[in-house]
Amino acid sequence: MLLLDKPLCQLDLLTHMELQDVILRILDKEKITTMIITHDPHEAVYMSDHICILTNGHHAKVGEIIEVDFERPRAREEIVEAELFYEYRSRLLAFLDDCEAKKQACKKQAMA
């Protein structure tokens, strides 16, 4: 198993996208089970077959798992033009927004 913990976060956008494609080609060729940790919803949808979204905080747990239904090998141009790409991304962002709203509500309760 290969674990990649935010491997591309320090790169400029073009290099970031190029290396995403390089990683995907290697993984497709070698058939390596891989876990990629990222804070980038676009990257999560583009690179993943399953997205495991964690809740906030020290006691984070699996909040939702999204099955990403794009064929491999992946072609960035096709995927980012697909309506399904934006549906997955919106679902992921909505979950994260909901987590943040719950976190803020808990802070307000604690201060009251």
PDB file of N, CA and C in Angstrom:
ATOM      1  N   MET A   1       0.851  -1.177   0.000  1.00  0.00           N
ATOM      2  CA  MET A   1       0.000   0.000   0.000  1.00  0.00           C
ATOM      3  C   MET A   1       0.892   1.233   0.000  1.00  0.00           C
ATOM      4  N   LEU A   2       0.507   2.219  -0.773  1.00  0.00           N
ATOM      5  CA  LEU A   2       1.224   3.485  -0.851  1.00  0.00           C
ATOM      6  C   LEU A   2       0.399   4.554  -0.163  1.00  0.00           C
ATOM      7  N   LEU A   3       1.004   5.292   0.754  1.00  0.00           N
ATOM      8  CA  LEU A   3       0.344   6.389   1.447  1.00  0.00           C
ATOM      9  C   LEU A   3       0.976   7.691   1.004  1.00  0.00           C
ATOM     10  N   LEU A   4       0.156   8.593   0.469  1.00  0.00           N
ATOM     11  CA  LEU A   4       0.613   9.917   0.048  1.00  0.00           C
ATOM     12  C   LEU A   4      -0.104  10.959   0.894  1.00  0.00           C
ATOM     13  N   ASP A   5       0.614  11.629   1.755  1.00  0.00           N
ATOM     14  CA  ASP A   5       0.043  12.621   2.660  1.00  0.00           C
ATOM     15  C   ASP A   5       0.336  14.016   2.125  1.00  0.00           C
ATOM     16  N   LYS A   6      -0.659  14.595   1.461  1.00  0.00           N
ATOM     17  CA  LYS A   6      -0.550  15.916   0.838  1.00  0.00           C
ATOM     18  C   LYS A   6       0.752  16.070   0.060  1.00  0.00           C
ATOM     19  N   PRO A   7       1.023  15.160  -0.892  1.00  0.00           N
ATOM     20  CA  PRO A   7       2.323  15.145  -1.561  1.00  0.00           C
ATOM     21  C   PRO A   7       2.571  16.325  -2.496  1.00  0.00           C
ATOM     22  N   LEU A   8       1.514  16.994  -2.934  1.00  0.00           N
ATOM     23  CA  LEU A   8       1.680  18.029  -3.955  1.00  0.00           C
ATOM     24  C   LEU A   8       1.325  19.431  -3.473  1.00  0.00           C
ATOM     25  N   CYS A   9       1.055  19.578  -2.200  1.00  0.00           N
ATOM     26  CA  CYS A   9       0.502  20.836  -1.689  1.00  0.00           C
ATOM     27  C   CYS A   9       1.452  22.031  -1.785  1.00  0.00           C
ATOM     28  N   GLN A  10       2.731  21.817  -1.879  1.00  0.00           N
ATOM     29  CA  GLN A  10       3.686  22.925  -1.925  1.00  0.00           C
ATOM     30  C   GLN A  10       4.060  23.339  -3.343  1.00  0.00           C
ATOM     31  N   LEU A  11       3.417  22.755  -4.342  1.00  0.00           N
ATOM     32  CA  LEU A  11       3.793  22.996  -5.731  1.00  0.00           C
ATOM     33  C   LEU A  11       2.898  24.035  -6.389  1.00  0.00           C
ATOM     34  N   ASP A  12       3.433  24.669  -7.432  1.00  0.00           N
ATOM     35  CA  ASP A  12       2.598  25.575  -8.222  1.00  0.00           C
ATOM     36  C   ASP A  12       1.547  24.750  -8.957  1.00  0.00           C
ATOM     37  N   LEU A  13       0.499  25.403  -9.423  1.00  0.00           N
ATOM     38  CA  LEU A  13      -0.658  24.704  -9.980  1.00  0.00           C
ATOM     39  C   LEU A  13      -0.308  23.819 -11.177  1.00  0.00           C
ATOM     40  N   LEU A  14       0.476  24.325 -12.112  1.00  0.00           N
ATOM     41  CA  LEU A  14       0.796  23.519 -13.301  1.00  0.00           C
ATOM     42  C   LEU A  14       1.603  22.279 -12.951  1.00  0.00           C
ATOM     43  N   THR A  15       2.601  22.433 -12.090  1.00  0.00           N
ATOM     44  CA  THR A  15       3.398  21.278 -11.660  1.00  0.00           C
ATOM     45  C   THR A  15       2.528  20.305 -10.886  1.00  0.00           C
ATOM     46  N   HIS A  16       1.663  20.841 -10.052  1.00  0.00           N
ATOM     47  CA  HIS A  16       0.725  20.036  -9.260  1.00  0.00           C
ATOM     48  C   HIS A  16      -0.107  19.150 -10.192  1.00  0.00           C
ATOM     49  N   MET A  17      -0.699  19.746 -11.219  1.00  0.00           N
ATOM     50  CA  MET A  17      -1.550  18.986 -12.140  1.00  0.00           C
ATOM     51  C   MET A  17      -0.734  17.967 -12.938  1.00  0.00           C
ATOM     52  N   GLU A  18       0.456  18.345 -13.368  1.00  0.00           N
ATOM     53  CA  GLU A  18       1.310  17.407 -14.105  1.00  0.00           C
ATOM     54  C   GLU A  18       1.655  16.197 -13.246  1.00  0.00           C
ATOM     55  N   LEU A  19       2.007  16.444 -11.987  1.00  0.00           N
ATOM     56  CA  LEU A  19       2.377  15.333 -11.110  1.00  0.00           C
ATOM     57  C   LEU A  19       1.182  14.474 -10.721  1.00  0.00           C
ATOM     58  N   GLN A  20       0.000  15.062 -10.640  1.00  0.00           N
ATOM     59  CA  GLN A  20      -1.199  14.246 -10.425  1.00  0.00           C
ATOM     60  C   GLN A  20      -1.321  13.219 -11.546  1.00  0.00           C
ATOM     61  N   ASP A  21      -1.144  13.680 -12.768  1.00  0.00           N
ATOM     62  CA  ASP A  21      -1.252  12.772 -13.920  1.00  0.00           C
ATOM     63  C   ASP A  21      -0.147  11.728 -13.916  1.00  0.00           C
ATOM     64  N   VAL A  22       1.062  12.114 -13.530  1.00  0.00           N
ATOM     65  CA  VAL A  22       2.171  11.156 -13.439  1.00  0.00           C
ATOM     66  C   VAL A  22       1.840  10.092 -12.394  1.00  0.00           C
ATOM     67  N   ILE A  23       1.377  10.519 -11.231  1.00  0.00           N
ATOM     68  CA  ILE A  23       1.019   9.576 -10.163  1.00  0.00           C
ATOM     69  C   ILE A  23      -0.069   8.619 -10.644  1.00  0.00           C
ATOM     70  N   LEU A  24      -1.109   9.154 -11.285  1.00  0.00           N
ATOM     71  CA  LEU A  24      -2.192   8.294 -11.768  1.00  0.00           C
ATOM     72  C   LEU A  24      -1.702   7.284 -12.800  1.00  0.00           C
ATOM     73  N   ARG A  25      -0.814   7.700 -13.690  1.00  0.00           N
ATOM     74  CA  ARG A  25      -0.276   6.757 -14.689  1.00  0.00           C
ATOM     75  C   ARG A  25       0.512   5.634 -14.004  1.00  0.00           C
ATOM     76  N   ILE A  26       1.319   5.995 -13.017  1.00  0.00           N
ATOM     77  CA  ILE A  26       2.099   4.983 -12.287  1.00  0.00           C
ATOM     78  C   ILE A  26       1.165   4.023 -11.562  1.00  0.00           C
ATOM     79  N   LEU A  27       0.174   4.566 -10.878  1.00  0.00           N
ATOM     80  CA  LEU A  27      -0.754   3.719 -10.124  1.00  0.00           C
ATOM     81  C   LEU A  27      -1.565   2.812 -11.047  1.00  0.00           C
ATOM     82  N   ASP A  28      -1.978   3.343 -12.192  1.00  0.00           N
ATOM     83  CA  ASP A  28      -2.711   2.519 -13.159  1.00  0.00           C
ATOM     84  C   ASP A  28      -1.833   1.390 -13.690  1.00  0.00           C
ATOM     85  N   LYS A  29      -0.579   1.696 -13.939  1.00  0.00           N
ATOM     86  CA  LYS A  29       0.340   0.693 -14.471  1.00  0.00           C
ATOM     87  C   LYS A  29       0.693  -0.365 -13.430  1.00  0.00           C
ATOM     88  N   GLU A  30       1.006   0.065 -12.225  1.00  0.00           N
ATOM     89  CA  GLU A  30       1.496  -0.838 -11.182  1.00  0.00           C
ATOM     90  C   GLU A  30       0.380  -1.473 -10.352  1.00  0.00           C
ATOM     91  N   LYS A  31      -0.833  -0.957 -10.439  1.00  0.00           N
ATOM     92  CA  LYS A  31      -1.989  -1.482  -9.689  1.00  0.00           C
ATOM     93  C   LYS A  31      -1.715  -1.478  -8.182  1.00  0.00           C
ATOM     94  N   ILE A  32      -1.218  -0.365  -7.692  1.00  0.00           N
ATOM     95  CA  ILE A  32      -0.891  -0.227  -6.275  1.00  0.00           C
ATOM     96  C   ILE A  32      -2.087   0.381  -5.545  1.00  0.00           C
ATOM     97  N   THR A  33      -2.516  -0.250  -4.472  1.00  0.00           N
ATOM     98  CA  THR A  33      -3.540   0.348  -3.630  1.00  0.00           C
ATOM     99  C   THR A  33      -2.928   1.568  -2.964  1.00  0.00           C
ATOM    100  N   THR A  34      -3.614   2.695  -3.061  1.00  0.00           N
ATOM    101  CA  THR A  34      -3.044   3.959  -2.599  1.00  0.00           C
ATOM    102  C   THR A  34      -4.059   4.746  -1.794  1.00  0.00           C
ATOM    103  N   MET A  35      -3.580   5.386  -0.734  1.00  0.00           N
ATOM    104  CA  MET A  35      -4.389   6.311   0.038  1.00  0.00           C
ATOM    105  C   MET A  35      -3.743   7.683  -0.095  1.00  0.00           C
ATOM    106  N   ILE A  36      -4.517   8.645  -0.600  1.00  0.00           N
ATOM    107  CA  ILE A  36      -4.020  10.001  -0.757  1.00  0.00           C
ATOM    108  C   ILE A  36      -4.760  10.892   0.232  1.00  0.00           C
ATOM    109  N   ILE A  37      -4.013  11.560   1.064  1.00  0.00           N
ATOM    110  CA  ILE A  37      -4.591  12.521   2.004  1.00  0.00           C
ATOM    111  C   ILE A  37      -4.464  13.893   1.359  1.00  0.00           C
ATOM    112  N   THR A  38      -5.580  14.592   1.241  1.00  0.00           N
ATOM    113  CA  THR A  38      -5.577  15.903   0.611  1.00  0.00           C
ATOM    114  C   THR A  38      -6.650  16.780   1.229  1.00  0.00           C
ATOM    115  N   HIS A  39      -6.435  18.086   1.126  1.00  0.00           N
ATOM    116  CA  HIS A  39      -7.456  19.057   1.517  1.00  0.00           C
ATOM    117  C   HIS A  39      -8.079  19.692   0.282  1.00  0.00           C
ATOM    118  N   ASP A  40      -7.714  19.198  -0.890  1.00  0.00           N
ATOM    119  CA  ASP A  40      -8.146  19.769  -2.161  1.00  0.00           C
ATOM    120  C   ASP A  40      -9.289  18.941  -2.746  1.00  0.00           C
ATOM    121  N   PRO A  41     -10.524  19.465  -2.718  1.00  0.00           N
ATOM    122  CA  PRO A  41     -11.672  18.709  -3.242  1.00  0.00           C
ATOM    123  C   PRO A  41     -11.516  18.327  -4.708  1.00  0.00           C
ATOM    124  N   HIS A  42     -10.946  19.208  -5.502  1.00  0.00           N
ATOM    125  CA  HIS A  42     -10.730  18.932  -6.922  1.00  0.00           C
ATOM    126  C   HIS A  42      -9.808  17.726  -7.086  1.00  0.00           C
ATOM    127  N   GLU A  43      -8.710  17.722  -6.331  1.00  0.00           N
ATOM    128  CA  GLU A  43      -7.755  16.618  -6.376  1.00  0.00           C
ATOM    129  C   GLU A  43      -8.401  15.314  -5.911  1.00  0.00           C
ATOM    130  N   ALA A  44      -9.181  15.394  -4.857  1.00  0.00           N
ATOM    131  CA  ALA A  44      -9.841  14.199  -4.326  1.00  0.00           C
ATOM    132  C   ALA A  44     -10.740  13.557  -5.374  1.00  0.00           C
ATOM    133  N   VAL A  45     -11.536  14.377  -6.044  1.00  0.00           N
ATOM    134  CA  VAL A  45     -12.462  13.834  -7.043  1.00  0.00           C
ATOM    135  C   VAL A  45     -11.704  13.323  -8.252  1.00  0.00           C
ATOM    136  N   TYR A  46     -10.704  14.063  -8.701  1.00  0.00           N
ATOM    137  CA  TYR A  46      -9.968  13.675  -9.904  1.00  0.00           C
ATOM    138  C   TYR A  46      -9.165  12.387  -9.720  1.00  0.00           C
ATOM    139  N   MET A  47      -8.540  12.214  -8.573  1.00  0.00           N
ATOM    140  CA  MET A  47      -7.599  11.115  -8.398  1.00  0.00           C
ATOM    141  C   MET A  47      -8.190   9.864  -7.749  1.00  0.00           C
ATOM    142  N   SER A  48      -9.351   9.979  -7.144  1.00  0.00           N
ATOM    143  CA  SER A  48      -9.851   8.898  -6.285  1.00  0.00           C
ATOM    144  C   SER A  48     -10.927   8.040  -6.927  1.00  0.00           C
ATOM    145  N   ASP A  49     -11.006   6.814  -6.432  1.00  0.00           N
ATOM    146  CA  ASP A  49     -12.135   5.937  -6.726  1.00  0.00           C
ATOM    147  C   ASP A  49     -13.129   5.963  -5.571  1.00  0.00           C
ATOM    148  N   HIS A  50     -12.615   6.240  -4.375  1.00  0.00           N
ATOM    149  CA  HIS A  50     -13.427   6.375  -3.165  1.00  0.00           C
ATOM    150  C   HIS A  50     -12.883   7.562  -2.392  1.00  0.00           C
ATOM    151  N   ILE A  51     -13.784   8.414  -1.922  1.00  0.00           N
ATOM    152  CA  ILE A  51     -13.373   9.542  -1.087  1.00  0.00           C
ATOM    153  C   ILE A  51     -13.957   9.315   0.295  1.00  0.00           C
ATOM    154  N   CYS A  52     -13.087   9.234   1.266  1.00  0.00           N
ATOM    155  CA  CYS A  52     -13.492   9.064   2.659  1.00  0.00           C
ATOM    156  C   CYS A  52     -13.343  10.430   3.330  1.00  0.00           C
ATOM    157  N   ILE A  53     -14.469  11.055   3.637  1.00  0.00           N
ATOM    158  CA  ILE A  53     -14.447  12.395   4.226  1.00  0.00           C
ATOM    159  C   ILE A  53     -14.520  12.263   5.742  1.00  0.00           C
ATOM    160  N   LEU A  54     -13.588  12.917   6.402  1.00  0.00           N
ATOM    161  CA  LEU A  54     -13.553  12.885   7.860  1.00  0.00           C
ATOM    162  C   LEU A  54     -14.248  14.106   8.440  1.00  0.00           C
ATOM    163  N   THR A  55     -14.808  13.940   9.620  1.00  0.00           N
ATOM    164  CA  THR A  55     -15.393  15.061  10.347  1.00  0.00           C
ATOM    165  C   THR A  55     -14.264  15.893  10.960  1.00  0.00           C
ATOM    166  N   ASN A  56     -14.622  17.034  11.539  1.00  0.00           N
ATOM    167  CA  ASN A  56     -13.642  17.949  12.135  1.00  0.00           C
ATOM    168  C   ASN A  56     -13.176  17.507  13.515  1.00  0.00           C
ATOM    169  N   GLY A  57     -12.039  18.033  13.914  1.00  0.00           N
ATOM    170  CA  GLY A  57     -11.623  17.980  15.301  1.00  0.00           C
ATOM    171  C   GLY A  57     -10.759  16.805  15.687  1.00  0.00           C
ATOM    172  N   HIS A  58     -10.425  16.813  16.973  1.00  0.00           N
ATOM    173  CA  HIS A  58      -9.547  15.793  17.538  1.00  0.00           C
ATOM    174  C   HIS A  58     -10.194  14.409  17.536  1.00  0.00           C
ATOM    175  N   HIS A  59     -11.500  14.381  17.559  1.00  0.00           N
ATOM    176  CA  HIS A  59     -12.212  13.111  17.576  1.00  0.00           C
ATOM    177  C   HIS A  59     -12.838  12.837  16.210  1.00  0.00           C
ATOM    178  N   ALA A  60     -12.115  13.197  15.160  1.00  0.00           N
ATOM    179  CA  ALA A  60     -12.619  13.015  13.797  1.00  0.00           C
ATOM    180  C   ALA A  60     -12.922  11.546  13.534  1.00  0.00           C
ATOM    181  N   LYS A  61     -13.951  11.346  12.740  1.00  0.00           N
ATOM    182  CA  LYS A  61     -14.327   9.997  12.333  1.00  0.00           C
ATOM    183  C   LYS A  61     -14.797  10.061  10.885  1.00  0.00           C
ATOM    184  N   VAL A  62     -15.003   8.916  10.298  1.00  0.00           N
ATOM    185  CA  VAL A  62     -15.487   8.871   8.923  1.00  0.00           C
ATOM    186  C   VAL A  62     -16.907   9.441   8.907  1.00  0.00           C
ATOM    187  N   GLY A  63     -17.074  10.493   8.132  1.00  0.00           N
ATOM    188  CA  GLY A  63     -18.384  11.125   8.048  1.00  0.00           C
ATOM    189  C   GLY A  63     -19.179  10.650   6.848  1.00  0.00           C
ATOM    190  N   GLU A  64     -18.466  10.408   5.760  1.00  0.00           N
ATOM    191  CA  GLU A  64     -19.139   9.970   4.533  1.00  0.00           C
ATOM    192  C   GLU A  64     -18.096   9.360   3.598  1.00  0.00           C
ATOM    193  N   ILE A  65     -18.542   8.412   2.803  1.00  0.00           N
ATOM    194  CA  ILE A  65     -17.703   7.834   1.765  1.00  0.00           C
ATOM    195  C   ILE A  65     -18.413   8.041   0.435  1.00  0.00           C
ATOM    196  N   ILE A  66     -17.693   8.631  -0.503  1.00  0.00           N
ATOM    197  CA  ILE A  66     -18.235   8.881  -1.835  1.00  0.00           C
ATOM    198  C   ILE A  66     -17.551   7.939  -2.818  1.00  0.00           C
ATOM    199  N   GLU A  67     -18.346   7.200  -3.549  1.00  0.00           N
ATOM    200  CA  GLU A  67     -17.828   6.325  -4.605  1.00  0.00           C
ATOM    201  C   GLU A  67     -17.716   7.167  -5.880  1.00  0.00           C
ATOM    202  N   VAL A  68     -16.526   7.294  -6.409  1.00  0.00           N
ATOM    203  CA  VAL A  68     -16.294   8.094  -7.610  1.00  0.00           C
ATOM    204  C   VAL A  68     -16.311   7.169  -8.822  1.00  0.00           C
ATOM    205  N   ASP A  69     -17.218   7.445  -9.734  1.00  0.00           N
ATOM    206  CA  ASP A  69     -17.464   6.542 -10.857  1.00  0.00           C
ATOM    207  C   ASP A  69     -16.900   7.102 -12.165  1.00  0.00           C
ATOM    208  N   PHE A  70     -15.581   7.251 -12.224  1.00  0.00           N
ATOM    209  CA  PHE A  70     -14.901   7.628 -13.459  1.00  0.00           C
ATOM    210  C   PHE A  70     -13.988   6.479 -13.862  1.00  0.00           C
ATOM    211  N   GLU A  71     -13.961   6.193 -15.153  1.00  0.00           N
ATOM    212  CA  GLU A  71     -13.132   5.093 -15.648  1.00  0.00           C
ATOM    213  C   GLU A  71     -11.653   5.452 -15.573  1.00  0.00           C
ATOM    214  N   ARG A  72     -10.852   4.415 -15.530  1.00  0.00           N
ATOM    215  CA  ARG A  72      -9.400   4.568 -15.610  1.00  0.00           C
ATOM    216  C   ARG A  72      -8.933   3.955 -16.912  1.00  0.00           C
ATOM    217  N   PRO A  73      -7.908   4.482 -17.511  1.00  0.00           N
ATOM    218  CA  PRO A  73      -7.139   5.649 -17.097  1.00  0.00           C
ATOM    219  C   PRO A  73      -7.969   6.925 -17.233  1.00  0.00           C
ATOM    220  N   ARG A  74      -7.607   7.904 -16.432  1.00  0.00           N
ATOM    221  CA  ARG A  74      -8.359   9.151 -16.385  1.00  0.00           C
ATOM    222  C   ARG A  74      -7.780  10.184 -17.348  1.00  0.00           C
ATOM    223  N   ALA A  75      -8.667  10.912 -17.986  1.00  0.00           N
ATOM    224  CA  ALA A  75      -8.285  12.021 -18.858  1.00  0.00           C
ATOM    225  C   ALA A  75      -8.837  13.293 -18.232  1.00  0.00           C
ATOM    226  N   ARG A  76      -7.952  14.137 -17.750  1.00  0.00           N
ATOM    227  CA  ARG A  76      -8.358  15.349 -17.024  1.00  0.00           C
ATOM    228  C   ARG A  76      -9.389  16.164 -17.811  1.00  0.00           C
ATOM    229  N   GLU A  77      -9.156  16.355 -19.110  1.00  0.00           N
ATOM    230  CA  GLU A  77     -10.051  17.185 -19.914  1.00  0.00           C
ATOM    231  C   GLU A  77     -11.479  16.641 -19.893  1.00  0.00           C
ATOM    232  N   GLU A  78     -11.621  15.338 -19.983  1.00  0.00           N
ATOM    233  CA  GLU A  78     -12.957  14.728 -19.972  1.00  0.00           C
ATOM    234  C   GLU A  78     -13.595  14.825 -18.597  1.00  0.00           C
ATOM    235  N   ILE A  79     -12.814  14.570 -17.571  1.00  0.00           N
ATOM    236  CA  ILE A  79     -13.363  14.538 -16.218  1.00  0.00           C
ATOM    237  C   ILE A  79     -13.808  15.918 -15.757  1.00  0.00           C
ATOM    238  N   VAL A  80     -12.973  16.930 -15.946  1.00  0.00           N
ATOM    239  CA  VAL A  80     -13.337  18.265 -15.444  1.00  0.00           C
ATOM    240  C   VAL A  80     -14.447  18.911 -16.263  1.00  0.00           C
ATOM    241  N   GLU A  81     -14.766  18.341 -17.416  1.00  0.00           N
ATOM    242  CA  GLU A  81     -15.892  18.832 -18.204  1.00  0.00           C
ATOM    243  C   GLU A  81     -17.180  18.066 -17.897  1.00  0.00           C
ATOM    244  N   ALA A  82     -17.072  16.985 -17.157  1.00  0.00           N
ATOM    245  CA  ALA A  82     -18.244  16.157 -16.847  1.00  0.00           C
ATOM    246  C   ALA A  82     -19.064  16.782 -15.723  1.00  0.00           C
ATOM    247  N   GLU A  83     -20.361  16.780 -15.901  1.00  0.00           N
ATOM    248  CA  GLU A  83     -21.259  17.300 -14.865  1.00  0.00           C
ATOM    249  C   GLU A  83     -21.100  16.509 -13.563  1.00  0.00           C
ATOM    250  N   LEU A  84     -20.852  15.215 -13.683  1.00  0.00           N
ATOM    251  CA  LEU A  84     -20.682  14.354 -12.517  1.00  0.00           C
ATOM    252  C   LEU A  84     -19.508  14.803 -11.648  1.00  0.00           C
ATOM    253  N   PHE A  85     -18.440  15.302 -12.281  1.00  0.00           N
ATOM    254  CA  PHE A  85     -17.293  15.810 -11.526  1.00  0.00           C
ATOM    255  C   PHE A  85     -17.752  16.892 -10.550  1.00  0.00           C
ATOM    256  N   TYR A  86     -18.560  17.822 -11.034  1.00  0.00           N
ATOM    257  CA  TYR A  86     -19.018  18.940 -10.209  1.00  0.00           C
ATOM    258  C   TYR A  86     -20.060  18.502  -9.187  1.00  0.00           C
ATOM    259  N   GLU A  87     -20.806  17.447  -9.490  1.00  0.00           N
ATOM    260  CA  GLU A  87     -21.736  16.900  -8.500  1.00  0.00           C
ATOM    261  C   GLU A  87     -20.965  16.300  -7.325  1.00  0.00           C
ATOM    262  N   TYR A  88     -19.918  15.516  -7.626  1.00  0.00           N
ATOM    263  CA  TYR A  88     -19.084  14.952  -6.555  1.00  0.00           C
ATOM    264  C   TYR A  88     -18.445  16.068  -5.732  1.00  0.00           C
ATOM    265  N   ARG A  89     -17.863  17.045  -6.427  1.00  0.00           N
ATOM    266  CA  ARG A  89     -17.182  18.147  -5.757  1.00  0.00           C
ATOM    267  C   ARG A  89     -18.159  18.934  -4.872  1.00  0.00           C
ATOM    268  N   SER A  90     -19.355  19.193  -5.377  1.00  0.00           N
ATOM    269  CA  SER A  90     -20.370  19.917  -4.604  1.00  0.00           C
ATOM    270  C   SER A  90     -20.789  19.124  -3.369  1.00  0.00           C
ATOM    271  N   ARG A  91     -20.937  17.826  -3.526  1.00  0.00           N
ATOM    272  CA  ARG A  91     -21.303  16.959  -2.393  1.00  0.00           C
ATOM    273  C   ARG A  91     -20.226  17.004  -1.315  1.00  0.00           C
ATOM    274  N   LEU A  92     -18.982  16.944  -1.743  1.00  0.00           N
ATOM    275  CA  LEU A  92     -17.858  16.994  -0.815  1.00  0.00           C
ATOM    276  C   LEU A  92     -17.825  18.346  -0.095  1.00  0.00           C
ATOM    277  N   LEU A  93     -17.955  19.433  -0.837  1.00  0.00           N
ATOM    278  CA  LEU A  93     -17.925  20.769  -0.239  1.00  0.00           C
ATOM    279  C   LEU A  93     -19.114  20.997   0.694  1.00  0.00           C
ATOM    280  N   ALA A  94     -20.280  20.482   0.327  1.00  0.00           N
ATOM    281  CA  ALA A  94     -21.458  20.621   1.192  1.00  0.00           C
ATOM    282  C   ALA A  94     -21.237  19.911   2.525  1.00  0.00           C
ATOM    283  N   PHE A  95     -20.629  18.730   2.472  1.00  0.00           N
ATOM    284  CA  PHE A  95     -20.334  18.005   3.709  1.00  0.00           C
ATOM    285  C   PHE A  95     -19.374  18.820   4.575  1.00  0.00           C
ATOM    286  N   LEU A  96     -18.328  19.357   3.967  1.00  0.00           N
ATOM    287  CA  LEU A  96     -17.351  20.145   4.717  1.00  0.00           C
ATOM    288  C   LEU A  96     -17.973  21.416   5.291  1.00  0.00           C
ATOM    289  N   ASP A  97     -18.840  22.073   4.527  1.00  0.00           N
ATOM    290  CA  ASP A  97     -19.540  23.261   5.027  1.00  0.00           C
ATOM    291  C   ASP A  97     -20.422  22.907   6.219  1.00  0.00           C
ATOM    292  N   ASP A  98     -21.098  21.774   6.129  1.00  0.00           N
ATOM    293  CA  ASP A  98     -21.961  21.324   7.222  1.00  0.00           C
ATOM    294  C   ASP A  98     -21.129  21.053   8.485  1.00  0.00           C
ATOM    295  N   CYS A  99     -19.972  20.425   8.317  1.00  0.00           N
ATOM    296  CA  CYS A  99     -19.083  20.166   9.461  1.00  0.00           C
ATOM    297  C   CYS A  99     -18.638  21.478  10.106  1.00  0.00           C
ATOM    298  N   GLU A 100     -18.298  22.444   9.282  1.00  0.00           N
ATOM    299  CA  GLU A 100     -17.856  23.739   9.811  1.00  0.00           C
ATOM    300  C   GLU A 100     -18.999  24.446  10.550  1.00  0.00           C
ATOM    301  N   ALA A 101     -20.201  24.366  10.011  1.00  0.00           N
ATOM    302  CA  ALA A 101     -21.360  24.977  10.677  1.00  0.00           C
ATOM    303  C   ALA A 101     -21.605  24.324  12.035  1.00  0.00           C
ATOM    304  N   LYS A 102     -21.498  22.993  12.097  1.00  0.00           N
ATOM    305  CA  LYS A 102     -21.669  22.286  13.373  1.00  0.00           C
ATOM    306  C   LYS A 102     -20.584  22.682  14.365  1.00  0.00           C
ATOM    307  N   LYS A 103     -19.367  22.830  13.880  1.00  0.00           N
ATOM    308  CA  LYS A 103     -18.248  23.239  14.738  1.00  0.00           C
ATOM    309  C   LYS A 103     -18.499  24.625  15.320  1.00  0.00           C
ATOM    310  N   GLN A 104     -18.953  25.543  14.482  1.00  0.00           N
ATOM    311  CA  GLN A 104     -19.243  26.909  14.944  1.00  0.00           C
ATOM    312  C   GLN A 104     -20.395  26.918  15.950  1.00  0.00           C
ATOM    313  N   ALA A 105     -21.411  26.105  15.720  1.00  0.00           N
ATOM    314  CA  ALA A 105     -22.548  26.028  16.644  1.00  0.00           C
ATOM    315  C   ALA A 105     -22.096  25.501  17.997  1.00  0.00           C
ATOM    316  N   CYS A 106     -21.203  24.528  18.014  1.00  0.00           N
ATOM    317  CA  CYS A 106     -20.677  23.986  19.273  1.00  0.00           C
ATOM    318  C   CYS A 106     -19.870  25.040  20.020  1.00  0.00           C
ATOM    319  N   LYS A 107     -19.101  25.829  19.305  1.00  0.00           N
ATOM    320  CA  LYS A 107     -18.322  26.906  19.935  1.00  0.00           C
ATOM    321  C   LYS A 107     -19.242  27.933  20.582  1.00  0.00           C
ATOM    322  N   LYS A 108     -20.333  28.289  19.888  1.00  0.00           N
ATOM    323  CA  LYS A 108     -21.279  29.255  20.442  1.00  0.00           C
ATOM    324  C   LYS A 108     -21.934  28.715  21.696  1.00  0.00           C
ATOM    325  N   GLN A 109     -22.287  27.425  21.687  1.00  0.00           N
ATOM    326  CA  GLN A 109     -22.892  26.806  22.866  1.00  0.00           C
ATOM    327  C   GLN A 109     -21.930  26.801  24.029  1.00  0.00           C
ATOM    328  N   ALA A 110     -20.674  26.508  23.760  1.00  0.00           N
ATOM    329  CA  ALA A 110     -19.664  26.438  24.817  1.00  0.00           C
ATOM    330  C   ALA A 110     -19.426  27.811  25.438  1.00  0.00           C
ATOM    331  N   MET A 111     -19.564  28.849  24.660  1.00  0.00           N
ATOM    332  CA  MET A 111     -19.331  30.207  25.158  1.00  0.00           C
ATOM    333  C   MET A 111     -20.532  30.770  25.907  1.00  0.00           C
ATOM    334  N   ALA A 112     -21.706  30.157  25.684  1.00  0.00           N
ATOM    335  CA  ALA A 112     -22.933  30.670  26.313  1.00  0.00           C
ATOM    336  C   ALA A 112     -23.050  30.267  27.760  1.00  0.00           C
TER     337      ALA A 112
END
